[in-house]
Amino acid sequence: MKDWKMWAPLQTKKQREIADNLSASEKEEATRLARELGKKALLYFIPSFLIIYFLYEHNVLSFILALFLIVLSYLLFAKFVGLPIRKKQKSLLNNSKYAKEKGITV
């Protein structure tokens, strides 16, 4: 692994190979996408934890409702934020100069 910034926990060998050979501008785009995902994740997850914090003390039913809302928000996040950004990241890897030269797709 040449650059730890391009590492991802579930990255395949092909993805790692392409990520290791991205140009500077491609790495900047990958970093921008990662930041975008992180910022949007904060907008989803911080309110979820605040809901649990404030409803935990009231009663069990409120706590169960809070957990349901959190699971729902995670599912909505995955569908409307996570998956589209992952598609952009995959497209970035597939359209990189190195991937095109080697004929690699992920």
PDB file of N, CA and C in Angstrom:
ATOM      1  N   MET A   1       0.847  -1.168   0.000  1.00  0.00           N
ATOM      2  CA  MET A   1       0.000   0.000   0.000  1.00  0.00           C
ATOM      3  C   MET A   1       0.898   1.238   0.000  1.00  0.00           C
ATOM      4  N   LYS A   2       0.748   2.032  -1.045  1.00  0.00           N
ATOM      5  CA  LYS A   2       1.590   3.211  -1.194  1.00  0.00           C
ATOM      6  C   LYS A   2       1.097   4.394  -0.373  1.00  0.00           C
ATOM      7  N   ASP A   3      -0.220   4.562  -0.288  1.00  0.00           N
ATOM      8  CA  ASP A   3      -0.777   5.738   0.369  1.00  0.00           C
ATOM      9  C   ASP A   3      -1.903   5.311   1.304  1.00  0.00           C
ATOM     10  N   TRP A   4      -1.701   5.492   2.599  1.00  0.00           N
ATOM     11  CA  TRP A   4      -2.702   5.053   3.574  1.00  0.00           C
ATOM     12  C   TRP A   4      -4.013   5.812   3.438  1.00  0.00           C
ATOM     13  N   LYS A   5      -4.005   7.011   2.837  1.00  0.00           N
ATOM     14  CA  LYS A   5      -5.236   7.788   2.685  1.00  0.00           C
ATOM     15  C   LYS A   5      -6.213   7.115   1.726  1.00  0.00           C
ATOM     16  N   MET A   6      -5.720   6.286   0.852  1.00  0.00           N
ATOM     17  CA  MET A   6      -6.573   5.613  -0.125  1.00  0.00           C
ATOM     18  C   MET A   6      -7.020   4.231   0.360  1.00  0.00           C
ATOM     19  N   TRP A   7      -6.672   3.870   1.604  1.00  0.00           N
ATOM     20  CA  TRP A   7      -7.033   2.576   2.153  1.00  0.00           C
ATOM     21  C   TRP A   7      -8.491   2.574   2.598  1.00  0.00           C
ATOM     22  N   ALA A   8      -9.161   1.453   2.427  1.00  0.00           N
ATOM     23  CA  ALA A   8     -10.526   1.257   2.920  1.00  0.00           C
ATOM     24  C   ALA A   8     -10.613  -0.144   3.506  1.00  0.00           C
ATOM     25  N   PRO A   9     -11.405  -0.350   4.557  1.00  0.00           N
ATOM     26  CA  PRO A   9     -11.419  -1.636   5.254  1.00  0.00           C
ATOM     27  C   PRO A   9     -11.880  -2.824   4.412  1.00  0.00           C
ATOM     28  N   LEU A  10     -12.813  -2.657   3.514  1.00  0.00           N
ATOM     29  CA  LEU A  10     -13.320  -3.773   2.703  1.00  0.00           C
ATOM     30  C   LEU A  10     -12.834  -3.698   1.262  1.00  0.00           C
ATOM     31  N   GLN A  11     -11.715  -3.076   1.056  1.00  0.00           N
ATOM     32  CA  GLN A  11     -11.164  -2.865  -0.276  1.00  0.00           C
ATOM     33  C   GLN A  11     -10.660  -4.176  -0.874  1.00  0.00           C
ATOM     34  N   THR A  12     -11.016  -4.430  -2.134  1.00  0.00           N
ATOM     35  CA  THR A  12     -10.522  -5.624  -2.819  1.00  0.00           C
ATOM     36  C   THR A  12      -9.095  -5.381  -3.303  1.00  0.00           C
ATOM     37  N   LYS A  13      -8.452  -6.435  -3.759  1.00  0.00           N
ATOM     38  CA  LYS A  13      -7.082  -6.294  -4.272  1.00  0.00           C
ATOM     39  C   LYS A  13      -7.053  -5.397  -5.508  1.00  0.00           C
ATOM     40  N   LYS A  14      -8.058  -5.531  -6.365  1.00  0.00           N
ATOM     41  CA  LYS A  14      -8.122  -4.677  -7.561  1.00  0.00           C
ATOM     42  C   LYS A  14      -8.285  -3.210  -7.165  1.00  0.00           C
ATOM     43  N   GLN A  15      -9.181  -2.949  -6.220  1.00  0.00           N
ATOM     44  CA  GLN A  15      -9.388  -1.574  -5.769  1.00  0.00           C
ATOM     45  C   GLN A  15      -8.117  -1.011  -5.153  1.00  0.00           C
ATOM     46  N   ARG A  16      -7.426  -1.817  -4.371  1.00  0.00           N
ATOM     47  CA  ARG A  16      -6.179  -1.382  -3.739  1.00  0.00           C
ATOM     48  C   ARG A  16      -5.122  -1.080  -4.796  1.00  0.00           C
ATOM     49  N   GLU A  17      -5.039  -1.938  -5.813  1.00  0.00           N
ATOM     50  CA  GLU A  17      -4.065  -1.727  -6.878  1.00  0.00           C
ATOM     51  C   GLU A  17      -4.337  -0.417  -7.609  1.00  0.00           C
ATOM     52  N   ILE A  18      -5.591  -0.179  -7.944  1.00  0.00           N
ATOM     53  CA  ILE A  18      -5.938   1.062  -8.637  1.00  0.00           C
ATOM     54  C   ILE A  18      -5.685   2.259  -7.730  1.00  0.00           C
ATOM     55  N   ALA A  19      -6.109   2.176  -6.476  1.00  0.00           N
ATOM     56  CA  ALA A  19      -5.932   3.287  -5.529  1.00  0.00           C
ATOM     57  C   ALA A  19      -4.457   3.615  -5.334  1.00  0.00           C
ATOM     58  N   ASP A  20      -3.606   2.607  -5.337  1.00  0.00           N
ATOM     59  CA  ASP A  20      -2.171   2.833  -5.176  1.00  0.00           C
ATOM     60  C   ASP A  20      -1.572   3.564  -6.368  1.00  0.00           C
ATOM     61  N   ASN A  21      -2.251   3.519  -7.506  1.00  0.00           N
ATOM     62  CA  ASN A  21      -1.703   4.110  -8.727  1.00  0.00           C
ATOM     63  C   ASN A  21      -2.518   5.291  -9.246  1.00  0.00           C
ATOM     64  N   LEU A  22      -3.314   5.913  -8.391  1.00  0.00           N
ATOM     65  CA  LEU A  22      -4.080   7.088  -8.805  1.00  0.00           C
ATOM     66  C   LEU A  22      -3.152   8.287  -8.988  1.00  0.00           C
ATOM     67  N   SER A  23      -3.516   9.135  -9.936  1.00  0.00           N
ATOM     68  CA  SER A  23      -2.757  10.378 -10.123  1.00  0.00           C
ATOM     69  C   SER A  23      -3.119  11.344  -8.996  1.00  0.00           C
ATOM     70  N   ALA A  24      -2.374  12.446  -8.914  1.00  0.00           N
ATOM     71  CA  ALA A  24      -2.621  13.422  -7.849  1.00  0.00           C
ATOM     72  C   ALA A  24      -4.036  13.999  -7.938  1.00  0.00           C
ATOM     73  N   SER A  25      -4.485  14.314  -9.134  1.00  0.00           N
ATOM     74  CA  SER A  25      -5.831  14.887  -9.280  1.00  0.00           C
ATOM     75  C   SER A  25      -6.913  13.853  -8.947  1.00  0.00           C
ATOM     76  N   GLU A  26      -6.669  12.591  -9.285  1.00  0.00           N
ATOM     77  CA  GLU A  26      -7.624  11.532  -8.949  1.00  0.00           C
ATOM     78  C   GLU A  26      -7.678  11.308  -7.441  1.00  0.00           C
ATOM     79  N   LYS A  27      -6.522  11.410  -6.776  1.00  0.00           N
ATOM     80  CA  LYS A  27      -6.493  11.283  -5.312  1.00  0.00           C
ATOM     81  C   LYS A  27      -7.240  12.438  -4.656  1.00  0.00           C
ATOM     82  N   GLU A  28      -7.112  13.634  -5.220  1.00  0.00           N
ATOM     83  CA  GLU A  28      -7.845  14.781  -4.684  1.00  0.00           C
ATOM     84  C   GLU A  28      -9.347  14.562  -4.800  1.00  0.00           C
ATOM     85  N   GLU A  29      -9.797  14.020  -5.923  1.00  0.00           N
ATOM     86  CA  GLU A  29     -11.219  13.741  -6.115  1.00  0.00           C
ATOM     87  C   GLU A  29     -11.694  12.664  -5.144  1.00  0.00           C
ATOM     88  N   ALA A  30     -10.890  11.629  -4.935  1.00  0.00           N
ATOM     89  CA  ALA A  30     -11.245  10.568  -3.983  1.00  0.00           C
ATOM     90  C   ALA A  30     -11.336  11.135  -2.567  1.00  0.00           C
ATOM     91  N   THR A  31     -10.435  12.008  -2.214  1.00  0.00           N
ATOM     92  CA  THR A  31     -10.446  12.646  -0.900  1.00  0.00           C
ATOM     93  C   THR A  31     -11.686  13.527  -0.747  1.00  0.00           C
ATOM     94  N   ARG A  32     -12.054  14.251  -1.804  1.00  0.00           N
ATOM     95  CA  ARG A  32     -13.247  15.091  -1.767  1.00  0.00           C
ATOM     96  C   ARG A  32     -14.499  14.245  -1.540  1.00  0.00           C
ATOM     97  N   LEU A  33     -14.586  13.108  -2.220  1.00  0.00           N
ATOM     98  CA  LEU A  33     -15.738  12.218  -2.042  1.00  0.00           C
ATOM     99  C   LEU A  33     -15.794  11.659  -0.618  1.00  0.00           C
ATOM    100  N   ALA A  34     -14.646  11.313  -0.073  1.00  0.00           N
ATOM    101  CA  ALA A  34     -14.598  10.791   1.302  1.00  0.00           C
ATOM    102  C   ALA A  34     -15.035  11.866   2.301  1.00  0.00           C
ATOM    103  N   ARG A  35     -14.589  13.106   2.077  1.00  0.00           N
ATOM    104  CA  ARG A  35     -15.011  14.203   2.963  1.00  0.00           C
ATOM    105  C   ARG A  35     -16.512  14.442   2.866  1.00  0.00           C
ATOM    106  N   GLU A  36     -17.033  14.393   1.641  1.00  0.00           N
ATOM    107  CA  GLU A  36     -18.465  14.581   1.436  1.00  0.00           C
ATOM    108  C   GLU A  36     -19.259  13.524   2.203  1.00  0.00           C
ATOM    109  N   LEU A  37     -18.816  12.279   2.120  1.00  0.00           N
ATOM    110  CA  LEU A  37     -19.483  11.199   2.843  1.00  0.00           C
ATOM    111  C   LEU A  37     -19.404  11.428   4.350  1.00  0.00           C
ATOM    112  N   GLY A  38     -18.255  11.830   4.838  1.00  0.00           N
ATOM    113  CA  GLY A  38     -18.081  12.076   6.271  1.00  0.00           C
ATOM    114  C   GLY A  38     -18.964  13.193   6.788  1.00  0.00           C
ATOM    115  N   LYS A  39     -19.040  14.287   6.042  1.00  0.00           N
ATOM    116  CA  LYS A  39     -19.875  15.411   6.466  1.00  0.00           C
ATOM    117  C   LYS A  39     -21.352  15.018   6.493  1.00  0.00           C
ATOM    118  N   LYS A  40     -21.790  14.297   5.487  1.00  0.00           N
ATOM    119  CA  LYS A  40     -23.191  13.880   5.447  1.00  0.00           C
ATOM    120  C   LYS A  40     -23.487  12.849   6.539  1.00  0.00           C
ATOM    121  N   ALA A  41     -22.519  12.022   6.858  1.00  0.00           N
ATOM    122  CA  ALA A  41     -22.706  11.038   7.932  1.00  0.00           C
ATOM    123  C   ALA A  41     -22.921  11.744   9.266  1.00  0.00           C
ATOM    124  N   LEU A  42     -22.177  12.810   9.501  1.00  0.00           N
ATOM    125  CA  LEU A  42     -22.362  13.568  10.745  1.00  0.00           C
ATOM    126  C   LEU A  42     -23.774  14.128  10.843  1.00  0.00           C
ATOM    127  N   LEU A  43     -24.297  14.597   9.730  1.00  0.00           N
ATOM    128  CA  LEU A  43     -25.651  15.159   9.741  1.00  0.00           C
ATOM    129  C   LEU A  43     -26.705  14.108  10.066  1.00  0.00           C
ATOM    130  N   TYR A  44     -26.425  12.858   9.752  1.00  0.00           N
ATOM    131  CA  TYR A  44     -27.366  11.783  10.055  1.00  0.00           C
ATOM    132  C   TYR A  44     -27.170  11.223  11.462  1.00  0.00           C
ATOM    133  N   PHE A  45     -25.919  11.012  11.857  1.00  0.00           N
ATOM    134  CA  PHE A  45     -25.657  10.229  13.048  1.00  0.00           C
ATOM    135  C   PHE A  45     -25.652  11.028  14.349  1.00  0.00           C
ATOM    136  N   ILE A  46     -25.211  12.262  14.335  1.00  0.00           N
ATOM    137  CA  ILE A  46     -25.213  13.048  15.571  1.00  0.00           C
ATOM    138  C   ILE A  46     -26.634  13.231  16.099  1.00  0.00           C
ATOM    139  N   PRO A  47     -27.614  13.613  15.251  1.00  0.00           N
ATOM    140  CA  PRO A  47     -28.988  13.698  15.782  1.00  0.00           C
ATOM    141  C   PRO A  47     -29.487  12.366  16.343  1.00  0.00           C
ATOM    142  N   SER A  48     -29.085  11.270  15.744  1.00  0.00           N
ATOM    143  CA  SER A  48     -29.505   9.960  16.243  1.00  0.00           C
ATOM    144  C   SER A  48     -29.030   9.733  17.673  1.00  0.00           C
ATOM    145  N   PHE A  49     -27.795  10.042  17.944  1.00  0.00           N
ATOM    146  CA  PHE A  49     -27.271   9.843  19.287  1.00  0.00           C
ATOM    147  C   PHE A  49     -27.881  10.829  20.281  1.00  0.00           C
ATOM    148  N   LEU A  50     -28.193  12.019  19.822  1.00  0.00           N
ATOM    149  CA  LEU A  50     -28.868  12.979  20.696  1.00  0.00           C
ATOM    150  C   LEU A  50     -30.269  12.500  21.055  1.00  0.00           C
ATOM    151  N   ILE A  51     -30.952  11.897  20.099  1.00  0.00           N
ATOM    152  CA  ILE A  51     -32.288  11.342  20.375  1.00  0.00           C
ATOM    153  C   ILE A  51     -32.193  10.289  21.478  1.00  0.00           C
ATOM    154  N   ILE A  52     -31.254   9.383  21.362  1.00  0.00           N
ATOM    155  CA  ILE A  52     -31.091   8.346  22.392  1.00  0.00           C
ATOM    156  C   ILE A  52     -30.777   8.986  23.744  1.00  0.00           C
ATOM    157  N   TYR A  53     -29.879   9.945  23.742  1.00  0.00           N
ATOM    158  CA  TYR A  53     -29.475  10.577  25.001  1.00  0.00           C
ATOM    159  C   TYR A  53     -30.666  11.202  25.719  1.00  0.00           C
ATOM    160  N   PHE A  54     -31.489  11.935  24.990  1.00  0.00           N
ATOM    161  CA  PHE A  54     -32.600  12.637  25.638  1.00  0.00           C
ATOM    162  C   PHE A  54     -33.788  11.729  25.944  1.00  0.00           C
ATOM    163  N   LEU A  55     -34.007  10.696  25.163  1.00  0.00           N
ATOM    164  CA  LEU A  55     -35.154   9.833  25.396  1.00  0.00           C
ATOM    165  C   LEU A  55     -34.863   8.666  26.338  1.00  0.00           C
ATOM    166  N   TYR A  56     -33.611   8.376  26.570  1.00  0.00           N
ATOM    167  CA  TYR A  56     -33.244   7.230  27.404  1.00  0.00           C
ATOM    168  C   TYR A  56     -33.813   7.355  28.814  1.00  0.00           C
ATOM    169  N   GLU A  57     -33.804   8.551  29.354  1.00  0.00           N
ATOM    170  CA  GLU A  57     -34.222   8.746  30.739  1.00  0.00           C
ATOM    171  C   GLU A  57     -35.733   8.728  30.924  1.00  0.00           C
ATOM    172  N   HIS A  58     -36.513   8.884  29.874  1.00  0.00           N
ATOM    173  CA  HIS A  58     -37.964   9.017  30.026  1.00  0.00           C
ATOM    174  C   HIS A  58     -38.642   7.682  30.324  1.00  0.00           C
ATOM    175  N   ASN A  59     -38.608   6.760  29.389  1.00  0.00           N
ATOM    176  CA  ASN A  59     -39.182   5.437  29.639  1.00  0.00           C
ATOM    177  C   ASN A  59     -38.723   4.473  28.543  1.00  0.00           C
ATOM    178  N   VAL A  60     -39.040   3.224  28.725  1.00  0.00           N
ATOM    179  CA  VAL A  60     -38.587   2.193  27.803  1.00  0.00           C
ATOM    180  C   VAL A  60     -39.199   2.372  26.418  1.00  0.00           C
ATOM    181  N   LEU A  61     -40.451   2.739  26.348  1.00  0.00           N
ATOM    182  CA  LEU A  61     -41.116   2.920  25.062  1.00  0.00           C
ATOM    183  C   LEU A  61     -40.450   4.030  24.248  1.00  0.00           C
ATOM    184  N   SER A  62     -40.096   5.111  24.900  1.00  0.00           N
ATOM    185  CA  SER A  62     -39.395   6.202  24.215  1.00  0.00           C
ATOM    186  C   SER A  62     -38.041   5.729  23.702  1.00  0.00           C
ATOM    187  N   PHE A  63     -37.368   4.927  24.509  1.00  0.00           N
ATOM    188  CA  PHE A  63     -36.061   4.410  24.111  1.00  0.00           C
ATOM    189  C   PHE A  63     -36.192   3.490  22.895  1.00  0.00           C
ATOM    190  N   ILE A  64     -37.194   2.624  22.895  1.00  0.00           N
ATOM    191  CA  ILE A  64     -37.422   1.721  21.758  1.00  0.00           C
ATOM    192  C   ILE A  64     -37.762   2.526  20.507  1.00  0.00           C
ATOM    193  N   LEU A  65     -38.578   3.557  20.664  1.00  0.00           N
ATOM    194  CA  LEU A  65     -38.900   4.432  19.538  1.00  0.00           C
ATOM    195  C   LEU A  65     -37.646   5.108  19.004  1.00  0.00           C
ATOM    196  N   ALA A  66     -36.791   5.551  19.895  1.00  0.00           N
ATOM    197  CA  ALA A  66     -35.541   6.192  19.488  1.00  0.00           C
ATOM    198  C   ALA A  66     -34.663   5.216  18.709  1.00  0.00           C
ATOM    199  N   LEU A  67     -34.558   3.996  19.189  1.00  0.00           N
ATOM    200  CA  LEU A  67     -33.768   2.992  18.478  1.00  0.00           C
ATOM    201  C   LEU A  67     -34.341   2.729  17.084  1.00  0.00           C
ATOM    202  N   PHE A  68     -35.660   2.650  16.991  1.00  0.00           N
ATOM    203  CA  PHE A  68     -36.303   2.460  15.690  1.00  0.00           C
ATOM    204  C   PHE A  68     -35.974   3.619  14.745  1.00  0.00           C
ATOM    205  N   LEU A  69     -36.048   4.845  15.263  1.00  0.00           N
ATOM    206  CA  LEU A  69     -35.743   6.013  14.434  1.00  0.00           C
ATOM    207  C   LEU A  69     -34.279   6.012  13.979  1.00  0.00           C
ATOM    208  N   ILE A  70     -33.396   5.554  14.838  1.00  0.00           N
ATOM    209  CA  ILE A  70     -31.984   5.496  14.479  1.00  0.00           C
ATOM    210  C   ILE A  70     -31.747   4.456  13.383  1.00  0.00           C
ATOM    211  N   VAL A  71     -32.331   3.286  13.527  1.00  0.00           N
ATOM    212  CA  VAL A  71     -32.192   2.255  12.495  1.00  0.00           C
ATOM    213  C   VAL A  71     -32.759   2.772  11.181  1.00  0.00           C
ATOM    214  N   LEU A  72     -33.895   3.422  11.238  1.00  0.00           N
ATOM    215  CA  LEU A  72     -34.499   3.996  10.037  1.00  0.00           C
ATOM    216  C   LEU A  72     -33.575   5.046   9.414  1.00  0.00           C
ATOM    217  N   SER A  73     -32.978   5.895  10.231  1.00  0.00           N
ATOM    218  CA  SER A  73     -32.077   6.920   9.689  1.00  0.00           C
ATOM    219  C   SER A  73     -30.836   6.295   9.062  1.00  0.00           C
ATOM    220  N   TYR A  74     -30.312   5.213   9.649  1.00  0.00           N
ATOM    221  CA  TYR A  74     -29.163   4.530   9.050  1.00  0.00           C
ATOM    222  C   TYR A  74     -29.522   3.941   7.690  1.00  0.00           C
ATOM    223  N   LEU A  75     -30.702   3.340   7.598  1.00  0.00           N
ATOM    224  CA  LEU A  75     -31.139   2.774   6.320  1.00  0.00           C
ATOM    225  C   LEU A  75     -31.324   3.865   5.269  1.00  0.00           C
ATOM    226  N   LEU A  76     -31.922   4.968   5.662  1.00  0.00           N
ATOM    227  CA  LEU A  76     -32.088   6.085   4.735  1.00  0.00           C
ATOM    228  C   LEU A  76     -30.739   6.658   4.322  1.00  0.00           C
ATOM    229  N   PHE A  77     -29.817   6.746   5.281  1.00  0.00           N
ATOM    230  CA  PHE A  77     -28.472   7.231   4.966  1.00  0.00           C
ATOM    231  C   PHE A  77     -27.806   6.334   3.937  1.00  0.00           C
ATOM    232  N   ALA A  78     -27.880   5.032   4.158  1.00  0.00           N
ATOM    233  CA  ALA A  78     -27.246   4.092   3.239  1.00  0.00           C
ATOM    234  C   ALA A  78     -27.828   4.218   1.838  1.00  0.00           C
ATOM    235  N   LYS A  79     -29.147   4.302   1.751  1.00  0.00           N
ATOM    236  CA  LYS A  79     -29.801   4.340   0.442  1.00  0.00           C
ATOM    237  C   LYS A  79     -29.580   5.655  -0.293  1.00  0.00           C
ATOM    238  N   PHE A  80     -29.745   6.778   0.394  1.00  0.00           N
ATOM    239  CA  PHE A  80     -29.749   8.065  -0.290  1.00  0.00           C
ATOM    240  C   PHE A  80     -28.416   8.811  -0.254  1.00  0.00           C
ATOM    241  N   VAL A  81     -27.506   8.402   0.604  1.00  0.00           N
ATOM    242  CA  VAL A  81     -26.217   9.082   0.693  1.00  0.00           C
ATOM    243  C   VAL A  81     -25.064   8.118   0.435  1.00  0.00           C
ATOM    244  N   GLY A  82     -25.017   7.044   1.201  1.00  0.00           N
ATOM    245  CA  GLY A  82     -23.890   6.116   1.118  1.00  0.00           C
ATOM    246  C   GLY A  82     -23.732   5.454  -0.240  1.00  0.00           C
ATOM    247  N   LEU A  83     -24.803   4.869  -0.747  1.00  0.00           N
ATOM    248  CA  LEU A  83     -24.712   4.164  -2.030  1.00  0.00           C
ATOM    249  C   LEU A  83     -24.369   5.082  -3.203  1.00  0.00           C
ATOM    250  N   PRO A  84     -24.992   6.261  -3.325  1.00  0.00           N
ATOM    251  CA  PRO A  84     -24.601   7.134  -4.433  1.00  0.00           C
ATOM    252  C   PRO A  84     -23.134   7.569  -4.386  1.00  0.00           C
ATOM    253  N   ILE A  85     -22.623   7.838  -3.190  1.00  0.00           N
ATOM    254  CA  ILE A  85     -21.212   8.237  -3.094  1.00  0.00           C
ATOM    255  C   ILE A  85     -20.311   7.055  -3.398  1.00  0.00           C
ATOM    256  N   ARG A  86     -20.686   5.855  -2.942  1.00  0.00           N
ATOM    257  CA  ARG A  86     -19.894   4.660  -3.269  1.00  0.00           C
ATOM    258  C   ARG A  86     -19.866   4.430  -4.783  1.00  0.00           C
ATOM    259  N   LYS A  87     -20.990   4.689  -5.461  1.00  0.00           N
ATOM    260  CA  LYS A  87     -21.011   4.557  -6.923  1.00  0.00           C
ATOM    261  C   LYS A  87     -20.059   5.556  -7.572  1.00  0.00           C
ATOM    262  N   LYS A  88     -20.018   6.786  -7.045  1.00  0.00           N
ATOM    263  CA  LYS A  88     -19.086   7.793  -7.562  1.00  0.00           C
ATOM    264  C   LYS A  88     -17.645   7.348  -7.340  1.00  0.00           C
ATOM    265  N   GLN A  89     -17.374   6.777  -6.154  1.00  0.00           N
ATOM    266  CA  GLN A  89     -16.019   6.313  -5.860  1.00  0.00           C
ATOM    267  C   GLN A  89     -15.626   5.167  -6.788  1.00  0.00           C
ATOM    268  N   LYS A  90     -16.552   4.250  -7.025  1.00  0.00           N
ATOM    269  CA  LYS A  90     -16.289   3.129  -7.920  1.00  0.00           C
ATOM    270  C   LYS A  90     -16.049   3.632  -9.338  1.00  0.00           C
ATOM    271  N   SER A  91     -16.838   4.598  -9.759  1.00  0.00           N
ATOM    272  CA  SER A  91     -16.668   5.188 -11.080  1.00  0.00           C
ATOM    273  C   SER A  91     -15.309   5.871 -11.197  1.00  0.00           C
ATOM    274  N   LEU A  92     -14.905   6.553 -10.139  1.00  0.00           N
ATOM    275  CA  LEU A  92     -13.593   7.208 -10.133  1.00  0.00           C
ATOM    276  C   LEU A  92     -12.485   6.178 -10.333  1.00  0.00           C
ATOM    277  N   LEU A  93     -12.574   5.057  -9.627  1.00  0.00           N
ATOM    278  CA  LEU A  93     -11.552   4.013  -9.778  1.00  0.00           C
ATOM    279  C   LEU A  93     -11.573   3.421 -11.188  1.00  0.00           C
ATOM    280  N   ASN A  94     -12.766   3.126 -11.698  1.00  0.00           N
ATOM    281  CA  ASN A  94     -12.869   2.524 -13.027  1.00  0.00           C
ATOM    282  C   ASN A  94     -12.406   3.462 -14.135  1.00  0.00           C
ATOM    283  N   ASN A  95     -12.575   4.768 -13.940  1.00  0.00           N
ATOM    284  CA  ASN A  95     -12.210   5.737 -14.970  1.00  0.00           C
ATOM    285  C   ASN A  95     -10.826   6.325 -14.774  1.00  0.00           C
ATOM    286  N   SER A  96     -10.081   5.805 -13.810  1.00  0.00           N
ATOM    287  CA  SER A  96      -8.731   6.317 -13.592  1.00  0.00           C
ATOM    288  C   SER A  96      -7.832   5.912 -14.760  1.00  0.00           C
ATOM    289  N   LYS A  97      -6.797   6.680 -14.941  1.00  0.00           N
ATOM    290  CA  LYS A  97      -5.856   6.435 -16.044  1.00  0.00           C
ATOM    291  C   LYS A  97      -5.248   5.033 -15.930  1.00  0.00           C
ATOM    292  N   TYR A  98      -4.847   4.653 -14.722  1.00  0.00           N
ATOM    293  CA  TYR A  98      -4.216   3.357 -14.503  1.00  0.00           C
ATOM    294  C   TYR A  98      -5.171   2.212 -14.844  1.00  0.00           C
ATOM    295  N   ALA A  99      -6.416   2.305 -14.385  1.00  0.00           N
ATOM    296  CA  ALA A  99      -7.401   1.243 -14.627  1.00  0.00           C
ATOM    297  C   ALA A  99      -7.674   1.092 -16.119  1.00  0.00           C
ATOM    298  N   LYS A 100      -7.754   2.219 -16.816  1.00  0.00           N
ATOM    299  CA  LYS A 100      -7.991   2.178 -18.261  1.00  0.00           C
ATOM    300  C   LYS A 100      -6.811   1.537 -19.002  1.00  0.00           C
ATOM    301  N   GLU A 101      -5.589   1.896 -18.581  1.00  0.00           N
ATOM    302  CA  GLU A 101      -4.378   1.345 -19.213  1.00  0.00           C
ATOM    303  C   GLU A 101      -4.297  -0.172 -19.015  1.00  0.00           C
ATOM    304  N   LYS A 102      -4.617  -0.619 -17.813  1.00  0.00           N
ATOM    305  CA  LYS A 102      -4.502  -2.049 -17.472  1.00  0.00           C
ATOM    306  C   LYS A 102      -5.767  -2.839 -17.805  1.00  0.00           C
ATOM    307  N   GLY A 103      -6.855  -2.155 -18.134  1.00  0.00           N
ATOM    308  CA  GLY A 103      -8.100  -2.837 -18.416  1.00  0.00           C
ATOM    309  C   GLY A 103      -8.750  -3.446 -17.184  1.00  0.00           C
ATOM    310  N   ILE A 104      -8.548  -2.799 -16.038  1.00  0.00           N
ATOM    311  CA  ILE A 104      -9.084  -3.293 -14.763  1.00  0.00           C
ATOM    312  C   ILE A 104     -10.411  -2.578 -14.464  1.00  0.00           C
ATOM    313  N   THR A 105     -11.400  -3.340 -14.009  1.00  0.00           N
ATOM    314  CA  THR A 105     -12.627  -2.738 -13.513  1.00  0.00           C
ATOM    315  C   THR A 105     -12.954  -3.345 -12.157  1.00  0.00           C
ATOM    316  N   VAL A 106     -13.632  -2.546 -11.342  1.00  0.00           N
ATOM    317  CA  VAL A 106     -14.023  -3.026 -10.004  1.00  0.00           C
ATOM    318  C   VAL A 106     -15.526  -3.095  -9.901  1.00  0.00           C
TER     319      VAL A 106
END
